[in-house]
Amino acid sequence: MLRSFSYRDPDGALSDLMQTLRGCGCALVAHKSLHSGQLEIYFELPLRAAMDAYAALLELRLELTRESHLQMSTFCTLRQHDRTANTIVPIRLLVKFLRGE
């Protein structure tokens, strides 16, 4: 699971996330709003698009946890060694929306 934090408006962030992930070649499986301002998105990441998806998440100003950065960098490394580039990785992304002070 990828965990992240955002200070953005949840409604706008969901729309931008879905559009950006689709643009990277990801297939959106499901999404749901959870209690206390959290959003959960399930998507399938083609390994060949790992670098683009990683950059897109950062461009959307998602603050990934250290473990999530490590997981995404691992996907990027695997992408370099995947000869067929047809591997699909299921991803669960949890975004917690924080209020700016």
N, C-alpha and C. Protein backbone atom coordinates (compact mmCIF):
# COMPACT_ATOMS: atom_id res chain seq x y z
N MET A 1 0.84 -1.17 0.00
CA MET A 1 0.00 0.00 0.00
C MET A 1 0.89 1.23 0.00
N LEU A 2 0.50 2.19 -0.84
CA LEU A 2 1.17 3.49 -0.82
C LEU A 2 0.38 4.40 0.10
N ARG A 3 1.08 5.10 0.96
CA ARG A 3 0.44 6.06 1.88
C ARG A 3 0.95 7.45 1.56
N SER A 4 0.01 8.40 1.59
CA SER A 4 0.40 9.78 1.30
C SER A 4 -0.48 10.75 2.07
N PHE A 5 -0.03 12.00 2.07
CA PHE A 5 -0.73 13.09 2.72
C PHE A 5 -0.86 14.22 1.72
N SER A 6 -1.92 15.02 1.87
CA SER A 6 -2.10 16.14 0.98
C SER A 6 -2.82 17.27 1.72
N TYR A 7 -2.47 18.50 1.36
CA TYR A 7 -3.15 19.67 1.89
C TYR A 7 -4.16 20.22 0.89
N ARG A 8 -4.33 19.53 -0.21
CA ARG A 8 -5.25 19.97 -1.25
C ARG A 8 -6.70 19.70 -0.86
N ASP A 9 -7.60 20.30 -1.61
CA ASP A 9 -9.02 20.05 -1.47
C ASP A 9 -9.30 18.63 -1.94
N PRO A 10 -9.96 17.81 -1.13
CA PRO A 10 -10.21 16.41 -1.50
C PRO A 10 -10.97 16.23 -2.81
N ASP A 11 -11.95 17.08 -3.09
CA ASP A 11 -12.73 16.92 -4.31
C ASP A 11 -11.88 17.15 -5.56
N GLY A 12 -11.13 18.21 -5.57
CA GLY A 12 -10.26 18.48 -6.71
C GLY A 12 -9.14 17.47 -6.84
N ALA A 13 -8.64 17.00 -5.72
CA ALA A 13 -7.53 16.04 -5.73
C ALA A 13 -7.97 14.72 -6.36
N LEU A 14 -9.17 14.26 -6.05
CA LEU A 14 -9.65 12.99 -6.60
C LEU A 14 -9.74 13.07 -8.11
N SER A 15 -10.33 14.13 -8.61
CA SER A 15 -10.46 14.31 -10.05
C SER A 15 -9.09 14.34 -10.73
N ASP A 16 -8.16 15.12 -10.16
CA ASP A 16 -6.82 15.23 -10.72
C ASP A 16 -6.08 13.90 -10.66
N LEU A 17 -6.21 13.18 -9.55
CA LEU A 17 -5.55 11.89 -9.40
C LEU A 17 -6.03 10.90 -10.46
N MET A 18 -7.33 10.82 -10.61
CA MET A 18 -7.90 9.86 -11.57
C MET A 18 -7.47 10.20 -12.99
N GLN A 19 -7.51 11.46 -13.35
CA GLN A 19 -7.11 11.88 -14.69
C GLN A 19 -5.62 11.62 -14.93
N THR A 20 -4.80 11.93 -13.94
CA THR A 20 -3.36 11.76 -14.07
C THR A 20 -2.98 10.29 -14.17
N LEU A 21 -3.58 9.45 -13.33
CA LEU A 21 -3.26 8.02 -13.38
C LEU A 21 -3.68 7.41 -14.71
N ARG A 22 -4.83 7.79 -15.21
CA ARG A 22 -5.26 7.30 -16.53
C ARG A 22 -4.27 7.74 -17.60
N GLY A 23 -3.81 8.98 -17.49
CA GLY A 23 -2.86 9.50 -18.46
C GLY A 23 -1.53 8.77 -18.47
N CYS A 24 -1.19 8.16 -17.34
CA CYS A 24 0.06 7.38 -17.24
C CYS A 24 -0.12 5.95 -17.74
N GLY A 25 -1.35 5.58 -18.08
CA GLY A 25 -1.60 4.22 -18.54
C GLY A 25 -2.10 3.29 -17.47
N CYS A 26 -2.41 3.83 -16.29
CA CYS A 26 -2.92 3.00 -15.20
C CYS A 26 -4.41 2.74 -15.42
N ALA A 27 -4.86 1.59 -14.96
CA ALA A 27 -6.28 1.26 -15.01
C ALA A 27 -6.85 1.43 -13.61
N LEU A 28 -7.84 2.30 -13.48
CA LEU A 28 -8.48 2.52 -12.19
C LEU A 28 -9.45 1.39 -11.91
N VAL A 29 -9.32 0.79 -10.75
CA VAL A 29 -10.17 -0.33 -10.37
C VAL A 29 -11.33 0.16 -9.50
N ALA A 30 -11.01 0.95 -8.49
CA ALA A 30 -12.05 1.44 -7.57
C ALA A 30 -11.49 2.60 -6.75
N HIS A 31 -12.40 3.34 -6.16
CA HIS A 31 -12.00 4.37 -5.20
C HIS A 31 -13.13 4.55 -4.21
N LYS A 32 -12.76 4.95 -3.00
CA LYS A 32 -13.78 5.21 -1.99
C LYS A 32 -13.25 6.21 -0.98
N SER A 33 -14.18 6.98 -0.44
CA SER A 33 -13.86 7.91 0.63
C SER A 33 -14.00 7.19 1.96
N LEU A 34 -13.03 7.40 2.81
CA LEU A 34 -13.04 6.78 4.13
C LEU A 34 -13.32 7.85 5.18
N HIS A 35 -13.48 7.41 6.39
CA HIS A 35 -13.71 8.34 7.49
C HIS A 35 -12.54 9.29 7.66
N SER A 36 -12.78 10.38 8.31
CA SER A 36 -11.76 11.38 8.70
C SER A 36 -10.91 11.88 7.53
N GLY A 37 -11.55 12.15 6.41
CA GLY A 37 -10.86 12.80 5.30
C GLY A 37 -9.82 11.97 4.60
N GLN A 38 -10.07 10.70 4.42
CA GLN A 38 -9.13 9.85 3.71
C GLN A 38 -9.78 9.33 2.43
N LEU A 39 -8.94 9.10 1.44
CA LEU A 39 -9.37 8.58 0.16
C LEU A 39 -8.53 7.36 -0.17
N GLU A 40 -9.19 6.32 -0.66
CA GLU A 40 -8.49 5.10 -1.04
C GLU A 40 -8.74 4.84 -2.52
N ILE A 41 -7.66 4.66 -3.27
CA ILE A 41 -7.76 4.41 -4.70
C ILE A 41 -7.04 3.11 -5.02
N TYR A 42 -7.72 2.25 -5.75
CA TYR A 42 -7.12 1.00 -6.23
C TYR A 42 -6.90 1.16 -7.73
N PHE A 43 -5.67 0.90 -8.16
CA PHE A 43 -5.40 0.97 -9.59
C PHE A 43 -4.35 -0.06 -9.97
N GLU A 44 -4.28 -0.35 -11.26
CA GLU A 44 -3.29 -1.28 -11.79
C GLU A 44 -2.24 -0.47 -12.53
N LEU A 45 -1.00 -0.67 -12.11
CA LEU A 45 0.12 0.07 -12.67
C LEU A 45 0.90 -0.82 -13.63
N PRO A 46 0.92 -0.47 -14.93
CA PRO A 46 1.83 -1.19 -15.82
C PRO A 46 3.26 -0.83 -15.42
N LEU A 47 4.09 -1.81 -15.21
CA LEU A 47 5.44 -1.55 -14.73
C LEU A 47 6.19 -0.58 -15.64
N ARG A 48 5.89 -0.63 -16.93
CA ARG A 48 6.57 0.28 -17.87
C ARG A 48 6.23 1.74 -17.59
N ALA A 49 5.13 2.00 -16.86
CA ALA A 49 4.70 3.37 -16.56
C ALA A 49 5.06 3.79 -15.13
N ALA A 50 5.88 3.01 -14.45
CA ALA A 50 6.18 3.28 -13.04
C ALA A 50 6.82 4.65 -12.84
N MET A 51 7.77 5.01 -13.68
CA MET A 51 8.45 6.30 -13.53
C MET A 51 7.47 7.45 -13.76
N ASP A 52 6.64 7.33 -14.79
CA ASP A 52 5.67 8.39 -15.08
C ASP A 52 4.66 8.53 -13.95
N ALA A 53 4.18 7.41 -13.41
CA ALA A 53 3.21 7.45 -12.32
C ALA A 53 3.82 8.05 -11.06
N TYR A 54 5.05 7.67 -10.76
CA TYR A 54 5.76 8.21 -9.59
C TYR A 54 5.89 9.73 -9.71
N ALA A 55 6.36 10.19 -10.85
CA ALA A 55 6.52 11.63 -11.07
C ALA A 55 5.17 12.35 -11.01
N ALA A 56 4.14 11.73 -11.54
CA ALA A 56 2.81 12.35 -11.54
C ALA A 56 2.27 12.50 -10.12
N LEU A 57 2.47 11.50 -9.29
CA LEU A 57 2.01 11.59 -7.90
C LEU A 57 2.70 12.74 -7.17
N LEU A 58 3.99 12.89 -7.42
CA LEU A 58 4.73 13.98 -6.79
C LEU A 58 4.31 15.34 -7.36
N GLU A 59 4.05 15.37 -8.65
CA GLU A 59 3.61 16.62 -9.28
C GLU A 59 2.26 17.09 -8.74
N LEU A 60 1.43 16.14 -8.32
CA LEU A 60 0.14 16.47 -7.73
C LEU A 60 0.26 16.91 -6.27
N ARG A 61 1.50 17.06 -5.81
CA ARG A 61 1.80 17.51 -4.44
C ARG A 61 1.34 16.53 -3.37
N LEU A 62 1.41 15.24 -3.69
CA LEU A 62 1.16 14.23 -2.66
C LEU A 62 2.45 14.03 -1.90
N GLU A 63 2.36 14.06 -0.59
CA GLU A 63 3.52 13.81 0.26
C GLU A 63 3.53 12.32 0.58
N LEU A 64 4.38 11.58 -0.10
CA LEU A 64 4.47 10.14 0.14
C LEU A 64 5.28 9.85 1.40
N THR A 65 4.91 8.79 2.09
CA THR A 65 5.71 8.37 3.24
C THR A 65 7.02 7.78 2.74
N ARG A 66 7.96 7.63 3.63
CA ARG A 66 9.26 7.06 3.26
C ARG A 66 9.10 5.69 2.62
N GLU A 67 8.26 4.85 3.22
CA GLU A 67 8.04 3.50 2.70
C GLU A 67 7.43 3.53 1.29
N SER A 68 6.55 4.50 1.06
CA SER A 68 5.92 4.62 -0.26
C SER A 68 6.93 5.07 -1.31
N HIS A 69 7.84 6.00 -0.93
CA HIS A 69 8.91 6.40 -1.84
C HIS A 69 9.77 5.19 -2.20
N LEU A 70 10.10 4.39 -1.19
CA LEU A 70 10.93 3.20 -1.44
C LEU A 70 10.21 2.21 -2.35
N GLN A 71 8.93 2.03 -2.14
CA GLN A 71 8.16 1.10 -2.97
C GLN A 71 8.10 1.59 -4.42
N MET A 72 7.85 2.87 -4.61
CA MET A 72 7.79 3.40 -5.98
C MET A 72 9.16 3.35 -6.65
N SER A 73 10.22 3.62 -5.91
CA SER A 73 11.56 3.54 -6.52
C SER A 73 11.91 2.09 -6.87
N THR A 74 11.40 1.14 -6.08
CA THR A 74 11.59 -0.27 -6.41
C THR A 74 10.88 -0.62 -7.72
N PHE A 75 9.66 -0.13 -7.89
CA PHE A 75 8.94 -0.36 -9.15
C PHE A 75 9.70 0.22 -10.33
N CYS A 76 10.30 1.39 -10.14
CA CYS A 76 11.07 2.02 -11.21
C CYS A 76 12.30 1.18 -11.55
N THR A 77 12.95 0.62 -10.53
CA THR A 77 14.11 -0.24 -10.76
C THR A 77 13.69 -1.52 -11.47
N LEU A 78 12.59 -2.12 -11.04
CA LEU A 78 12.10 -3.33 -11.69
C LEU A 78 11.76 -3.07 -13.15
N ARG A 79 11.25 -1.89 -13.42
CA ARG A 79 10.89 -1.52 -14.80
C ARG A 79 12.10 -1.62 -15.71
N GLN A 80 13.26 -1.24 -15.18
CA GLN A 80 14.48 -1.27 -15.99
C GLN A 80 14.88 -2.70 -16.34
N HIS A 81 14.48 -3.67 -15.50
CA HIS A 81 14.91 -5.04 -15.70
C HIS A 81 13.82 -5.94 -16.28
N ASP A 82 12.64 -5.40 -16.51
CA ASP A 82 11.53 -6.18 -17.05
C ASP A 82 11.64 -6.16 -18.57
N ARG A 83 12.06 -7.26 -19.13
CA ARG A 83 12.32 -7.35 -20.57
C ARG A 83 11.05 -7.17 -21.40
N THR A 84 9.95 -7.69 -20.93
CA THR A 84 8.72 -7.63 -21.72
C THR A 84 7.93 -6.36 -21.43
N ALA A 85 8.12 -5.78 -20.27
CA ALA A 85 7.41 -4.56 -19.84
C ALA A 85 5.90 -4.74 -19.85
N ASN A 86 5.43 -5.97 -19.68
CA ASN A 86 4.00 -6.24 -19.65
C ASN A 86 3.49 -6.53 -18.24
N THR A 87 4.34 -6.40 -17.25
CA THR A 87 3.94 -6.70 -15.88
C THR A 87 2.99 -5.63 -15.36
N ILE A 88 1.91 -6.08 -14.72
CA ILE A 88 0.93 -5.18 -14.12
C ILE A 88 1.01 -5.35 -12.60
N VAL A 89 1.09 -4.22 -11.88
CA VAL A 89 1.20 -4.25 -10.43
C VAL A 89 -0.06 -3.63 -9.83
N PRO A 90 -0.78 -4.39 -8.99
CA PRO A 90 -1.94 -3.79 -8.32
C PRO A 90 -1.47 -2.86 -7.20
N ILE A 91 -2.05 -1.66 -7.14
CA ILE A 91 -1.64 -0.65 -6.16
C ILE A 91 -2.87 -0.19 -5.37
N ARG A 92 -2.66 -0.03 -4.11
CA ARG A 92 -3.67 0.57 -3.23
C ARG A 92 -3.04 1.85 -2.68
N LEU A 93 -3.62 2.99 -3.02
CA LEU A 93 -3.11 4.29 -2.61
C LEU A 93 -4.06 4.89 -1.58
N LEU A 94 -3.51 5.23 -0.43
CA LEU A 94 -4.29 5.87 0.62
C LEU A 94 -3.81 7.31 0.75
N VAL A 95 -4.73 8.25 0.61
CA VAL A 95 -4.41 9.67 0.73
C VAL A 95 -5.16 10.23 1.93
N LYS A 96 -4.42 10.81 2.84
CA LYS A 96 -5.03 11.47 3.99
C LYS A 96 -4.96 12.97 3.76
N PHE A 97 -6.10 13.62 3.80
CA PHE A 97 -6.15 15.05 3.57
C PHE A 97 -6.04 15.80 4.88
N LEU A 98 -5.05 16.68 4.94
CA LEU A 98 -4.79 17.47 6.14
C LEU A 98 -5.23 18.89 5.87
N ARG A 99 -5.60 19.56 6.91
CA ARG A 99 -6.00 20.96 6.76
C ARG A 99 -4.82 21.87 6.99
N GLY A 100 -4.64 22.81 6.08
CA GLY A 100 -3.56 23.79 6.23
C GLY A 100 -3.87 24.76 7.34
N GLU A 101 -2.86 25.20 8.02
CA GLU A 101 -3.05 26.14 9.14
C GLU A 101 -2.76 27.55 8.69
